[in-house]
Amino acid sequence: MNISLLYEQLSGQDVLEWIGLLTGVIYVILATYEKPSCWIFGIISSGCIAWKSFTDYRLIADAGLQTFYIVIGVIGLWQWIKGQPGGLKKPVIISPWKQHLLVIVVCALLSWPLSWALIHYADARYGYIDTLLTLLSVWATILLIRKDLHNWVYWILIDAVYVFLYWRSEGYLFALLFLIYAVISVWGWRKWSRENFGLLGVERQQ
């Protein structure tokens, strides 16, 4: 790692960018505690990351994904606040594995034509992998809105790959950010499992 480049990236962040980074971490932490306010911080963070992904690192699909998060964040906030009839908190669920398999296959197939377009018309640096991560991230966000336990599994894997992509792009600051996301996601998986399923002793499917 180029320490001087990392220092340059740290010192080069303006106030708005730092707000985006910090609110992103707060968003994931609050999500592990099932706090509806997490979506507000997520919306703020997404706007900042979208700008950096597009202008600095040419991760075009990720920039589009962050824009999507702004919209989906409003939906997530409403869903989590609405909860269940009678004012009960929205429960954590587990979806059937066949549903996940189907979505993963569809995302993999859709990534081919979409990545071709991004490479040829938007100068994307990591066409197929960036597109696949984007589609899977959309699915993971839907799972988070539904409070599906397995959203954390997706985020652990997705964030780990983004660490690699940003590292390869010499975006060390964002690589560290996504490493933090991955660690928090591991904590989120364990916390939701323990508090809702007794470490998966009982499954609630939907």
N, C-alpha and C. Protein backbone atom coordinates (compact mmCIF):
# COMPACT_ATOMS: atom_id res chain seq x y z
N MET A 1 0.84 -1.20 0.00
CA MET A 1 0.00 0.00 0.00
C MET A 1 0.87 1.24 0.00
N ASN A 2 0.49 2.22 -0.79
CA ASN A 2 1.20 3.49 -0.86
C ASN A 2 0.70 4.39 0.27
N ILE A 3 1.49 4.47 1.35
CA ILE A 3 1.07 5.23 2.53
C ILE A 3 0.90 6.71 2.21
N SER A 4 1.78 7.23 1.39
CA SER A 4 1.70 8.65 1.05
C SER A 4 0.42 8.95 0.27
N LEU A 5 0.00 7.98 -0.59
CA LEU A 5 -1.24 8.16 -1.34
C LEU A 5 -2.45 8.10 -0.41
N LEU A 6 -2.41 7.17 0.56
CA LEU A 6 -3.49 7.10 1.54
C LEU A 6 -3.59 8.39 2.33
N TYR A 7 -2.44 8.91 2.76
CA TYR A 7 -2.43 10.18 3.50
C TYR A 7 -2.98 11.31 2.64
N GLU A 8 -2.62 11.29 1.37
CA GLU A 8 -3.12 12.31 0.44
C GLU A 8 -4.63 12.22 0.30
N GLN A 9 -5.15 10.98 0.23
CA GLN A 9 -6.60 10.80 0.12
C GLN A 9 -7.31 11.23 1.41
N LEU A 10 -6.70 10.94 2.56
CA LEU A 10 -7.29 11.34 3.84
C LEU A 10 -7.33 12.86 3.95
N SER A 11 -6.22 13.49 3.63
CA SER A 11 -6.14 14.94 3.75
C SER A 11 -6.92 15.65 2.65
N GLY A 12 -7.19 14.94 1.55
CA GLY A 12 -7.89 15.56 0.44
C GLY A 12 -9.41 15.54 0.56
N GLN A 13 -9.93 14.86 1.58
CA GLN A 13 -11.39 14.80 1.76
C GLN A 13 -11.91 16.12 2.30
N ASP A 14 -12.97 16.63 1.68
CA ASP A 14 -13.58 17.84 2.21
C ASP A 14 -14.64 17.47 3.24
N VAL A 15 -15.29 18.47 3.81
CA VAL A 15 -16.25 18.24 4.88
C VAL A 15 -17.40 17.36 4.42
N LEU A 16 -17.92 17.62 3.22
CA LEU A 16 -19.04 16.84 2.71
C LEU A 16 -18.66 15.38 2.53
N GLU A 17 -17.44 15.12 2.04
CA GLU A 17 -16.99 13.75 1.84
C GLU A 17 -16.81 13.01 3.16
N TRP A 18 -16.29 13.70 4.17
CA TRP A 18 -16.15 13.08 5.48
C TRP A 18 -17.51 12.77 6.09
N ILE A 19 -18.46 13.65 5.87
CA ILE A 19 -19.82 13.39 6.34
C ILE A 19 -20.35 12.12 5.69
N GLY A 20 -20.08 11.97 4.39
CA GLY A 20 -20.54 10.78 3.67
C GLY A 20 -19.92 9.51 4.22
N LEU A 21 -18.63 9.55 4.52
CA LEU A 21 -17.95 8.37 5.04
C LEU A 21 -18.46 7.99 6.43
N LEU A 22 -18.57 8.97 7.29
CA LEU A 22 -18.99 8.70 8.67
C LEU A 22 -20.45 8.26 8.74
N THR A 23 -21.31 8.90 7.96
CA THR A 23 -22.72 8.50 7.99
C THR A 23 -22.92 7.11 7.41
N GLY A 24 -22.04 6.70 6.50
CA GLY A 24 -22.11 5.35 5.97
C GLY A 24 -21.84 4.31 7.03
N VAL A 25 -20.84 4.57 7.87
CA VAL A 25 -20.53 3.64 8.96
C VAL A 25 -21.67 3.63 9.98
N ILE A 26 -22.20 4.81 10.30
CA ILE A 26 -23.32 4.90 11.25
C ILE A 26 -24.52 4.14 10.71
N TYR A 27 -24.77 4.25 9.41
CA TYR A 27 -25.89 3.55 8.77
C TYR A 27 -25.82 2.04 9.01
N VAL A 28 -24.65 1.44 8.77
CA VAL A 28 -24.52 0.00 8.92
C VAL A 28 -24.62 -0.40 10.40
N ILE A 29 -24.01 0.38 11.27
CA ILE A 29 -24.08 0.07 12.71
C ILE A 29 -25.52 0.10 13.20
N LEU A 30 -26.27 1.15 12.84
CA LEU A 30 -27.67 1.25 13.26
C LEU A 30 -28.52 0.13 12.68
N ALA A 31 -28.18 -0.32 11.45
CA ALA A 31 -28.92 -1.42 10.84
C ALA A 31 -28.74 -2.71 11.65
N THR A 32 -27.56 -2.92 12.21
CA THR A 32 -27.35 -4.12 13.02
C THR A 32 -28.23 -4.09 14.26
N TYR A 33 -28.57 -2.88 14.72
CA TYR A 33 -29.45 -2.74 15.89
C TYR A 33 -30.91 -2.57 15.50
N GLU A 34 -31.21 -2.73 14.20
CA GLU A 34 -32.57 -2.67 13.68
C GLU A 34 -33.23 -1.32 13.94
N LYS A 35 -32.46 -0.25 13.83
CA LYS A 35 -32.97 1.10 14.05
C LYS A 35 -33.42 1.70 12.71
N PRO A 36 -34.68 2.13 12.58
CA PRO A 36 -35.15 2.73 11.33
C PRO A 36 -34.34 3.95 10.90
N SER A 37 -33.77 4.66 11.86
CA SER A 37 -33.00 5.87 11.53
C SER A 37 -31.77 5.54 10.69
N CYS A 38 -31.39 4.27 10.59
CA CYS A 38 -30.23 3.91 9.78
C CYS A 38 -30.39 4.38 8.34
N TRP A 39 -31.63 4.35 7.85
CA TRP A 39 -31.88 4.69 6.45
C TRP A 39 -31.59 6.17 6.17
N ILE A 40 -31.80 7.02 7.15
CA ILE A 40 -31.52 8.45 6.96
C ILE A 40 -30.02 8.65 6.73
N PHE A 41 -29.21 7.99 7.55
CA PHE A 41 -27.75 8.10 7.40
C PHE A 41 -27.29 7.45 6.10
N GLY A 42 -27.97 6.38 5.69
CA GLY A 42 -27.62 5.73 4.44
C GLY A 42 -27.85 6.62 3.23
N ILE A 43 -28.94 7.36 3.26
CA ILE A 43 -29.25 8.28 2.16
C ILE A 43 -28.17 9.35 2.03
N ILE A 44 -27.76 9.90 3.16
CA ILE A 44 -26.72 10.94 3.14
C ILE A 44 -25.41 10.38 2.60
N SER A 45 -25.03 9.21 3.08
CA SER A 45 -23.77 8.60 2.67
C SER A 45 -23.74 8.27 1.18
N SER A 46 -24.85 7.76 0.67
CA SER A 46 -24.90 7.30 -0.71
C SER A 46 -24.63 8.41 -1.71
N GLY A 47 -25.11 9.59 -1.43
CA GLY A 47 -24.88 10.71 -2.33
C GLY A 47 -23.41 11.02 -2.50
N CYS A 48 -22.67 10.93 -1.39
CA CYS A 48 -21.24 11.23 -1.44
C CYS A 48 -20.45 10.13 -2.15
N ILE A 49 -20.76 8.88 -1.85
CA ILE A 49 -20.04 7.77 -2.47
C ILE A 49 -20.30 7.71 -3.97
N ALA A 50 -21.52 8.03 -4.39
CA ALA A 50 -21.85 8.04 -5.81
C ALA A 50 -20.95 9.00 -6.57
N TRP A 51 -20.72 10.16 -6.00
CA TRP A 51 -19.90 11.16 -6.67
C TRP A 51 -18.45 10.70 -6.81
N LYS A 52 -17.88 10.13 -5.73
CA LYS A 52 -16.50 9.66 -5.77
C LYS A 52 -16.34 8.47 -6.72
N SER A 53 -17.28 7.54 -6.69
CA SER A 53 -17.19 6.36 -7.55
C SER A 53 -17.18 6.75 -9.02
N PHE A 54 -17.99 7.73 -9.37
CA PHE A 54 -18.11 8.13 -10.77
C PHE A 54 -16.92 8.99 -11.22
N THR A 55 -16.55 9.97 -10.43
CA THR A 55 -15.54 10.93 -10.88
C THR A 55 -14.11 10.46 -10.70
N ASP A 56 -13.83 9.69 -9.64
CA ASP A 56 -12.45 9.33 -9.33
C ASP A 56 -12.06 7.91 -9.75
N TYR A 57 -12.96 6.95 -9.56
CA TYR A 57 -12.58 5.55 -9.70
C TYR A 57 -13.25 4.85 -10.88
N ARG A 58 -14.11 5.53 -11.59
CA ARG A 58 -14.78 5.00 -12.78
C ARG A 58 -15.54 3.70 -12.50
N LEU A 59 -16.02 3.53 -11.27
CA LEU A 59 -16.91 2.42 -10.95
C LEU A 59 -18.33 2.87 -11.24
N ILE A 60 -18.67 2.84 -12.52
CA ILE A 60 -19.91 3.44 -12.99
C ILE A 60 -21.14 2.78 -12.37
N ALA A 61 -21.13 1.45 -12.37
CA ALA A 61 -22.29 0.75 -11.83
C ALA A 61 -22.46 1.03 -10.34
N ASP A 62 -21.35 1.15 -9.62
CA ASP A 62 -21.44 1.45 -8.19
C ASP A 62 -22.00 2.85 -7.97
N ALA A 63 -21.64 3.79 -8.83
CA ALA A 63 -22.21 5.13 -8.73
C ALA A 63 -23.72 5.11 -8.94
N GLY A 64 -24.16 4.32 -9.92
CA GLY A 64 -25.59 4.17 -10.13
C GLY A 64 -26.27 3.49 -8.97
N LEU A 65 -25.56 2.53 -8.35
CA LEU A 65 -26.10 1.82 -7.20
C LEU A 65 -26.33 2.78 -6.04
N GLN A 66 -25.37 3.67 -5.80
CA GLN A 66 -25.52 4.61 -4.69
C GLN A 66 -26.70 5.56 -4.92
N THR A 67 -26.92 5.93 -6.17
CA THR A 67 -28.09 6.76 -6.50
C THR A 67 -29.38 6.00 -6.21
N PHE A 68 -29.37 4.72 -6.54
CA PHE A 68 -30.51 3.87 -6.23
C PHE A 68 -30.77 3.81 -4.73
N TYR A 69 -29.68 3.78 -3.94
CA TYR A 69 -29.82 3.72 -2.48
C TYR A 69 -30.57 4.92 -1.92
N ILE A 70 -30.40 6.07 -2.55
CA ILE A 70 -31.10 7.25 -2.07
C ILE A 70 -32.60 7.05 -2.14
N VAL A 71 -33.04 6.48 -3.26
CA VAL A 71 -34.47 6.20 -3.44
C VAL A 71 -34.93 5.07 -2.53
N ILE A 72 -34.17 3.99 -2.52
CA ILE A 72 -34.56 2.82 -1.74
C ILE A 72 -34.48 3.11 -0.25
N GLY A 73 -33.64 4.07 0.14
CA GLY A 73 -33.54 4.43 1.54
C GLY A 73 -34.84 4.99 2.08
N VAL A 74 -35.54 5.74 1.26
CA VAL A 74 -36.84 6.28 1.66
C VAL A 74 -37.84 5.14 1.87
N ILE A 75 -37.80 4.17 0.96
CA ILE A 75 -38.69 3.01 1.08
C ILE A 75 -38.36 2.21 2.34
N GLY A 76 -37.07 2.00 2.58
CA GLY A 76 -36.65 1.25 3.76
C GLY A 76 -37.07 1.94 5.05
N LEU A 77 -36.91 3.24 5.09
CA LEU A 77 -37.31 4.01 6.27
C LEU A 77 -38.79 3.84 6.55
N TRP A 78 -39.59 3.94 5.50
CA TRP A 78 -41.04 3.80 5.65
C TRP A 78 -41.42 2.39 6.10
N GLN A 79 -40.79 1.37 5.51
CA GLN A 79 -41.09 -0.01 5.85
C GLN A 79 -40.74 -0.32 7.30
N TRP A 80 -39.58 0.13 7.74
CA TRP A 80 -39.15 -0.18 9.10
C TRP A 80 -39.96 0.59 10.14
N ILE A 81 -40.35 1.82 9.81
CA ILE A 81 -41.18 2.60 10.74
C ILE A 81 -42.58 2.01 10.81
N LYS A 82 -43.10 1.61 9.66
CA LYS A 82 -44.45 1.04 9.61
C LYS A 82 -44.54 -0.24 10.44
N GLY A 83 -43.50 -1.09 10.35
CA GLY A 83 -43.47 -2.30 11.14
C GLY A 83 -44.61 -3.24 10.85
N GLN A 84 -45.17 -3.81 11.90
CA GLN A 84 -46.25 -4.76 11.80
C GLN A 84 -47.54 -4.15 12.33
N PRO A 85 -48.71 -4.73 11.98
CA PRO A 85 -49.98 -4.25 12.53
C PRO A 85 -49.94 -4.27 14.06
N GLY A 86 -50.50 -3.23 14.66
CA GLY A 86 -50.50 -3.15 16.11
C GLY A 86 -49.26 -2.46 16.66
N GLY A 87 -48.46 -1.88 15.78
CA GLY A 87 -47.28 -1.16 16.23
C GLY A 87 -46.09 -2.04 16.59
N LEU A 88 -46.13 -3.32 16.24
CA LEU A 88 -45.02 -4.21 16.55
C LEU A 88 -43.84 -3.98 15.61
N LYS A 89 -42.64 -4.27 16.10
CA LYS A 89 -41.44 -4.11 15.28
C LYS A 89 -41.46 -5.13 14.14
N LYS A 90 -40.99 -4.69 12.98
CA LYS A 90 -40.90 -5.58 11.81
C LYS A 90 -39.98 -6.75 12.16
N PRO A 91 -40.44 -8.00 11.97
CA PRO A 91 -39.63 -9.16 12.38
C PRO A 91 -38.53 -9.50 11.39
N VAL A 92 -37.49 -10.15 11.88
CA VAL A 92 -36.43 -10.68 11.03
C VAL A 92 -36.88 -12.02 10.47
N ILE A 93 -36.65 -12.24 9.18
CA ILE A 93 -37.09 -13.46 8.51
C ILE A 93 -35.91 -14.14 7.82
N ILE A 94 -36.14 -15.33 7.31
CA ILE A 94 -35.16 -16.05 6.49
C ILE A 94 -35.87 -16.56 5.24
N SER A 95 -35.37 -16.18 4.08
CA SER A 95 -35.97 -16.61 2.82
C SER A 95 -35.44 -17.98 2.41
N PRO A 96 -36.21 -18.76 1.65
CA PRO A 96 -35.75 -20.08 1.19
C PRO A 96 -34.50 -19.97 0.32
N TRP A 97 -33.61 -20.95 0.41
CA TRP A 97 -32.35 -20.90 -0.33
C TRP A 97 -32.58 -20.94 -1.84
N LYS A 98 -33.67 -21.55 -2.29
CA LYS A 98 -33.95 -21.60 -3.73
C LYS A 98 -34.19 -20.20 -4.29
N GLN A 99 -34.78 -19.34 -3.49
CA GLN A 99 -35.01 -17.96 -3.92
C GLN A 99 -33.68 -17.25 -4.14
N HIS A 100 -32.74 -17.46 -3.24
CA HIS A 100 -31.42 -16.85 -3.38
C HIS A 100 -30.69 -17.39 -4.61
N LEU A 101 -30.77 -18.67 -4.82
CA LEU A 101 -30.10 -19.29 -5.98
C LEU A 101 -30.64 -18.71 -7.28
N LEU A 102 -31.95 -18.58 -7.37
CA LEU A 102 -32.57 -18.04 -8.58
C LEU A 102 -32.11 -16.61 -8.84
N VAL A 103 -32.09 -15.80 -7.81
CA VAL A 103 -31.69 -14.40 -7.96
C VAL A 103 -30.22 -14.30 -8.38
N ILE A 104 -29.36 -15.10 -7.78
CA ILE A 104 -27.94 -15.06 -8.12
C ILE A 104 -27.72 -15.44 -9.59
N VAL A 105 -28.42 -16.46 -10.06
CA VAL A 105 -28.31 -16.87 -11.46
C VAL A 105 -28.78 -15.76 -12.39
N VAL A 106 -29.91 -15.16 -12.07
CA VAL A 106 -30.45 -14.07 -12.89
C VAL A 106 -29.47 -12.89 -12.93
N CYS A 107 -28.91 -12.54 -11.78
CA CYS A 107 -27.96 -11.43 -11.72
C CYS A 107 -26.71 -11.73 -12.56
N ALA A 108 -26.24 -12.96 -12.49
CA ALA A 108 -25.05 -13.35 -13.25
C ALA A 108 -25.31 -13.24 -14.76
N LEU A 109 -26.50 -13.65 -15.19
CA LEU A 109 -26.84 -13.60 -16.61
C LEU A 109 -27.04 -12.16 -17.09
N LEU A 110 -27.71 -11.35 -16.29
CA LEU A 110 -27.96 -9.96 -16.67
C LEU A 110 -26.68 -9.14 -16.71
N SER A 111 -25.69 -9.55 -15.94
CA SER A 111 -24.45 -8.78 -15.86
C SER A 111 -23.69 -8.74 -17.17
N TRP A 112 -23.84 -9.78 -18.02
CA TRP A 112 -23.09 -9.82 -19.28
C TRP A 112 -23.47 -8.67 -20.22
N PRO A 113 -24.75 -8.51 -20.60
CA PRO A 113 -25.08 -7.40 -21.50
C PRO A 113 -24.92 -6.03 -20.85
N LEU A 114 -25.23 -5.94 -19.56
CA LEU A 114 -25.10 -4.65 -18.89
C LEU A 114 -23.64 -4.22 -18.77
N SER A 115 -22.77 -5.17 -18.47
CA SER A 115 -21.35 -4.83 -18.35
C SER A 115 -20.77 -4.44 -19.71
N TRP A 116 -21.22 -5.09 -20.78
CA TRP A 116 -20.75 -4.73 -22.11
C TRP A 116 -21.08 -3.26 -22.41
N ALA A 117 -22.28 -2.85 -22.06
CA ALA A 117 -22.69 -1.45 -22.29
C ALA A 117 -21.85 -0.49 -21.47
N LEU A 118 -21.58 -0.85 -20.21
CA LEU A 118 -20.79 0.03 -19.36
C LEU A 118 -19.36 0.16 -19.85
N ILE A 119 -18.78 -0.94 -20.33
CA ILE A 119 -17.41 -0.91 -20.80
C ILE A 119 -17.28 -0.08 -22.07
N HIS A 120 -18.23 -0.25 -23.00
CA HIS A 120 -18.12 0.40 -24.30
C HIS A 120 -18.64 1.83 -24.33
N TYR A 121 -19.56 2.17 -23.43
CA TYR A 121 -20.18 3.49 -23.50
C TYR A 121 -19.93 4.36 -22.27
N ALA A 122 -19.45 3.76 -21.19
CA ALA A 122 -19.24 4.56 -19.98
C ALA A 122 -17.82 4.43 -19.43
N ASP A 123 -16.95 3.72 -20.16
CA ASP A 123 -15.55 3.60 -19.75
C ASP A 123 -15.39 3.02 -18.35
N ALA A 124 -16.22 2.03 -18.01
CA ALA A 124 -16.14 1.41 -16.69
C ALA A 124 -14.86 0.61 -16.57
N ARG A 125 -14.23 0.65 -15.41
CA ARG A 125 -12.94 -0.02 -15.22
C ARG A 125 -13.11 -1.52 -15.00
N TYR A 126 -14.08 -1.91 -14.19
CA TYR A 126 -14.33 -3.31 -13.90
C TYR A 126 -15.75 -3.64 -14.34
N GLY A 127 -15.92 -3.93 -15.61
CA GLY A 127 -17.24 -4.07 -16.18
C GLY A 127 -18.11 -5.16 -15.56
N TYR A 128 -17.75 -6.43 -15.78
CA TYR A 128 -18.63 -7.52 -15.35
C TYR A 128 -18.74 -7.61 -13.83
N ILE A 129 -17.60 -7.60 -13.13
CA ILE A 129 -17.63 -7.77 -11.68
C ILE A 129 -18.35 -6.60 -11.01
N ASP A 130 -18.12 -5.38 -11.52
CA ASP A 130 -18.78 -4.19 -10.98
C ASP A 130 -20.29 -4.29 -11.16
N THR A 131 -20.72 -4.75 -12.34
CA THR A 131 -22.14 -4.88 -12.63
C THR A 131 -22.79 -5.97 -11.78
N LEU A 132 -22.11 -7.11 -11.66
CA LEU A 132 -22.63 -8.21 -10.85
C LEU A 132 -22.79 -7.78 -9.40
N LEU A 133 -21.79 -7.08 -8.87
CA LEU A 133 -21.87 -6.60 -7.49
C LEU A 133 -23.02 -5.61 -7.32
N THR A 134 -23.24 -4.81 -8.34
CA THR A 134 -24.33 -3.84 -8.29
C THR A 134 -25.68 -4.54 -8.19
N LEU A 135 -25.90 -5.52 -9.05
CA LEU A 135 -27.18 -6.23 -9.04
C LEU A 135 -27.38 -6.99 -7.73
N LEU A 136 -26.33 -7.62 -7.24
CA LEU A 136 -26.44 -8.34 -5.98
C LEU A 136 -26.64 -7.38 -4.81
N SER A 137 -26.07 -6.19 -4.91
CA SER A 137 -26.26 -5.19 -3.86
C SER A 137 -27.71 -4.69 -3.83
N VAL A 138 -28.30 -4.57 -5.00
CA VAL A 138 -29.72 -4.21 -5.06
C VAL A 138 -30.55 -5.26 -4.34
N TRP A 139 -30.26 -6.52 -4.63
CA TRP A 139 -30.97 -7.62 -3.98
C TRP A 139 -30.73 -7.62 -2.47
N ALA A 140 -29.48 -7.40 -2.07
CA ALA A 140 -29.16 -7.37 -0.64
C ALA A 140 -29.88 -6.24 0.08
N THR A 141 -30.04 -5.10 -0.60
CA THR A 141 -30.76 -3.99 -0.01
C THR A 141 -32.24 -4.31 0.16
N ILE A 142 -32.80 -4.99 -0.83
CA ILE A 142 -34.20 -5.43 -0.72
C ILE A 142 -34.35 -6.38 0.47
N LEU A 143 -33.38 -7.27 0.64
CA LEU A 143 -33.41 -8.19 1.78
C LEU A 143 -33.30 -7.43 3.10
N LEU A 144 -32.50 -6.38 3.12
CA LEU A 144 -32.38 -5.58 4.34
C LEU A 144 -33.69 -4.88 4.66
N ILE A 145 -34.35 -4.35 3.64
CA ILE A 145 -35.66 -3.73 3.86
C ILE A 145 -36.64 -4.74 4.44
N ARG A 146 -36.59 -5.97 3.92
CA ARG A 146 -37.48 -7.03 4.41
C ARG A 146 -37.02 -7.59 5.76
N LYS A 147 -35.83 -7.17 6.21
CA LYS A 147 -35.20 -7.70 7.41
C LYS A 147 -34.95 -9.20 7.28
N ASP A 148 -34.41 -9.58 6.14
CA ASP A 148 -34.01 -10.96 5.91
C ASP A 148 -32.59 -11.13 6.46
N LEU A 149 -32.41 -12.12 7.31
CA LEU A 149 -31.11 -12.36 7.94
C LEU A 149 -29.98 -12.46 6.94
N HIS A 150 -30.25 -13.06 5.78
CA HIS A 150 -29.18 -13.32 4.82
C HIS A 150 -28.68 -12.08 4.08
N ASN A 151 -29.30 -10.94 4.32
CA ASN A 151 -28.76 -9.73 3.71
C ASN A 151 -27.31 -9.53 4.16
N TRP A 152 -27.02 -9.92 5.40
CA TRP A 152 -25.66 -9.72 5.92
C TRP A 152 -24.66 -10.62 5.21
N VAL A 153 -25.04 -11.80 4.80
CA VAL A 153 -24.13 -12.69 4.08
C VAL A 153 -23.73 -12.04 2.75
N TYR A 154 -24.72 -11.49 2.05
CA TYR A 154 -24.43 -10.80 0.79
C TYR A 154 -23.48 -9.64 1.03
N TRP A 155 -23.76 -8.84 2.07
CA TRP A 155 -22.92 -7.66 2.29
C TRP A 155 -21.50 -8.02 2.67
N ILE A 156 -21.32 -9.09 3.42
CA ILE A 156 -19.97 -9.52 3.77
C ILE A 156 -19.17 -9.81 2.51
N LEU A 157 -19.76 -10.58 1.60
CA LEU A 157 -19.07 -10.95 0.37
C LEU A 157 -18.90 -9.76 -0.58
N ILE A 158 -19.95 -8.98 -0.75
CA ILE A 158 -19.89 -7.82 -1.64
C ILE A 158 -18.85 -6.81 -1.17
N ASP A 159 -18.88 -6.49 0.11
CA ASP A 159 -17.93 -5.51 0.65
C ASP A 159 -16.49 -6.01 0.52
N ALA A 160 -16.28 -7.31 0.70
CA ALA A 160 -14.94 -7.87 0.57
C ALA A 160 -14.40 -7.68 -0.85
N VAL A 161 -15.25 -7.89 -1.84
CA VAL A 161 -14.82 -7.71 -3.23
C VAL A 161 -14.57 -6.24 -3.54
N TYR A 162 -15.41 -5.36 -2.99
CA TYR A 162 -15.19 -3.92 -3.20
C TYR A 162 -13.89 -3.46 -2.56
N VAL A 163 -13.50 -4.07 -1.46
CA VAL A 163 -12.20 -3.76 -0.87
C VAL A 163 -11.10 -4.02 -1.91
N PHE A 164 -11.21 -5.16 -2.58
CA PHE A 164 -10.22 -5.51 -3.61
C PHE A 164 -10.25 -4.52 -4.77
N LEU A 165 -11.46 -4.17 -5.25
CA LEU A 165 -11.57 -3.27 -6.41
C LEU A 165 -11.01 -1.89 -6.10
N TYR A 166 -11.38 -1.36 -4.94
CA TYR A 166 -10.87 -0.03 -4.59
C TYR A 166 -9.36 -0.06 -4.34
N TRP A 167 -8.89 -1.16 -3.77
CA TRP A 167 -7.45 -1.29 -3.54
C TRP A 167 -6.70 -1.31 -4.86
N ARG A 168 -7.22 -2.08 -5.83
CA ARG A 168 -6.61 -2.13 -7.16
C ARG A 168 -6.66 -0.77 -7.84
N SER A 169 -7.69 0.03 -7.55
CA SER A 169 -7.83 1.36 -8.13
C SER A 169 -7.05 2.40 -7.35
N GLU A 170 -6.31 1.96 -6.33
CA GLU A 170 -5.56 2.83 -5.43
C GLU A 170 -6.48 3.78 -4.67
N GLY A 171 -7.70 3.35 -4.47
CA GLY A 171 -8.63 4.11 -3.63
C GLY A 171 -8.57 3.54 -2.22
N TYR A 172 -7.43 3.74 -1.55
CA TYR A 172 -7.18 3.07 -0.28
C TYR A 172 -8.16 3.49 0.81
N LEU A 173 -8.56 4.74 0.79
CA LEU A 173 -9.50 5.20 1.81
C LEU A 173 -10.82 4.47 1.70
N PHE A 174 -11.32 4.30 0.48
CA PHE A 174 -12.59 3.60 0.29
C PHE A 174 -12.42 2.09 0.49
N ALA A 175 -11.24 1.58 0.22
CA ALA A 175 -10.98 0.17 0.51
C ALA A 175 -11.09 -0.08 2.02
N LEU A 176 -10.54 0.83 2.81
CA LEU A 176 -10.65 0.70 4.26
C LEU A 176 -12.09 0.86 4.72
N LEU A 177 -12.82 1.75 4.08
CA LEU A 177 -14.23 1.95 4.43
C LEU A 177 -15.04 0.68 4.21
N PHE A 178 -14.85 0.04 3.08
CA PHE A 178 -15.60 -1.18 2.79
C PHE A 178 -15.12 -2.35 3.65
N LEU A 179 -13.87 -2.31 4.10
CA LEU A 179 -13.40 -3.31 5.06
C LEU A 179 -14.14 -3.16 6.38
N ILE A 180 -14.34 -1.92 6.80
CA ILE A 180 -15.12 -1.66 8.02
C ILE A 180 -16.55 -2.15 7.84
N TYR A 181 -17.13 -1.88 6.66
CA TYR A 181 -18.48 -2.37 6.38
C TYR A 181 -18.55 -3.89 6.51
N ALA A 182 -17.55 -4.58 5.97
CA ALA A 182 -17.55 -6.04 6.01
C ALA A 182 -17.50 -6.56 7.44
N VAL A 183 -16.66 -5.93 8.26
CA VAL A 183 -16.54 -6.35 9.66
C VAL A 183 -17.85 -6.12 10.40
N ILE A 184 -18.47 -4.96 10.19
CA ILE A 184 -19.75 -4.67 10.83
C ILE A 184 -20.83 -5.64 10.36
N SER A 185 -20.77 -6.02 9.08
CA SER A 185 -21.75 -6.96 8.54
C SER A 185 -21.63 -8.33 9.21
N VAL A 186 -20.40 -8.74 9.51
CA VAL A 186 -20.22 -9.99 10.25
C VAL A 186 -20.89 -9.89 11.62
N TRP A 187 -20.70 -8.72 12.25
CA TRP A 187 -21.33 -8.49 13.55
C TRP A 187 -22.85 -8.49 13.42
N GLY A 188 -23.36 -7.87 12.35
CA GLY A 188 -24.80 -7.83 12.12
C GLY A 188 -25.39 -9.22 11.94
N TRP A 189 -24.69 -10.07 11.20
CA TRP A 189 -25.14 -11.46 11.01
C TRP A 189 -25.23 -12.19 12.34
N ARG A 190 -24.18 -12.07 13.14
CA ARG A 190 -24.16 -12.76 14.42
C ARG A 190 -25.23 -12.20 15.36
N LYS A 191 -25.39 -10.90 15.37
CA LYS A 191 -26.35 -10.27 16.28
C LYS A 191 -27.78 -10.65 15.92
N TRP A 192 -28.15 -10.53 14.65
CA TRP A 192 -29.51 -10.89 14.23
C TRP A 192 -29.76 -12.38 14.45
N SER A 193 -28.75 -13.21 14.19
CA SER A 193 -28.91 -14.65 14.38
C SER A 193 -29.17 -14.97 15.84
N ARG A 194 -28.35 -14.40 16.71
CA ARG A 194 -28.46 -14.69 18.14
C ARG A 194 -29.77 -14.18 18.73
N GLU A 195 -30.15 -12.96 18.39
CA GLU A 195 -31.31 -12.34 19.01
C GLU A 195 -32.65 -12.82 18.44
N ASN A 196 -32.65 -13.30 17.20
CA ASN A 196 -33.91 -13.67 16.57
C ASN A 196 -34.08 -15.16 16.34
N PHE A 197 -32.98 -15.89 16.28
CA PHE A 197 -33.08 -17.31 15.97
C PHE A 197 -32.25 -18.19 16.90
N GLY A 198 -31.69 -17.65 17.95
CA GLY A 198 -30.87 -18.45 18.83
C GLY A 198 -29.73 -19.10 18.10
N LEU A 199 -29.00 -18.29 17.30
CA LEU A 199 -27.90 -18.79 16.45
C LEU A 199 -28.44 -19.84 15.47
N LEU A 200 -29.59 -19.51 14.86
CA LEU A 200 -30.21 -20.30 13.81
C LEU A 200 -30.76 -21.62 14.31
N GLY A 201 -31.13 -21.66 15.57
CA GLY A 201 -31.77 -22.85 16.09
C GLY A 201 -33.18 -23.00 15.56
N VAL A 202 -33.83 -21.87 15.24
CA VAL A 202 -35.18 -21.87 14.69
C VAL A 202 -35.18 -20.93 13.50
N GLU A 203 -35.85 -21.31 12.42
CA GLU A 203 -35.92 -20.49 11.21
C GLU A 203 -37.31 -19.96 11.01
N ARG A 204 -37.41 -18.68 10.66
CA ARG A 204 -38.67 -18.06 10.32
C ARG A 204 -38.63 -17.73 8.84
N GLN A 205 -39.31 -18.49 8.01
CA GLN A 205 -39.25 -18.30 6.56
C GLN A 205 -40.44 -17.47 6.10
N GLN A 206 -40.19 -16.79 4.98
CA GLN A 206 -41.26 -16.00 4.36
C GLN A 206 -40.95 -15.78 2.90
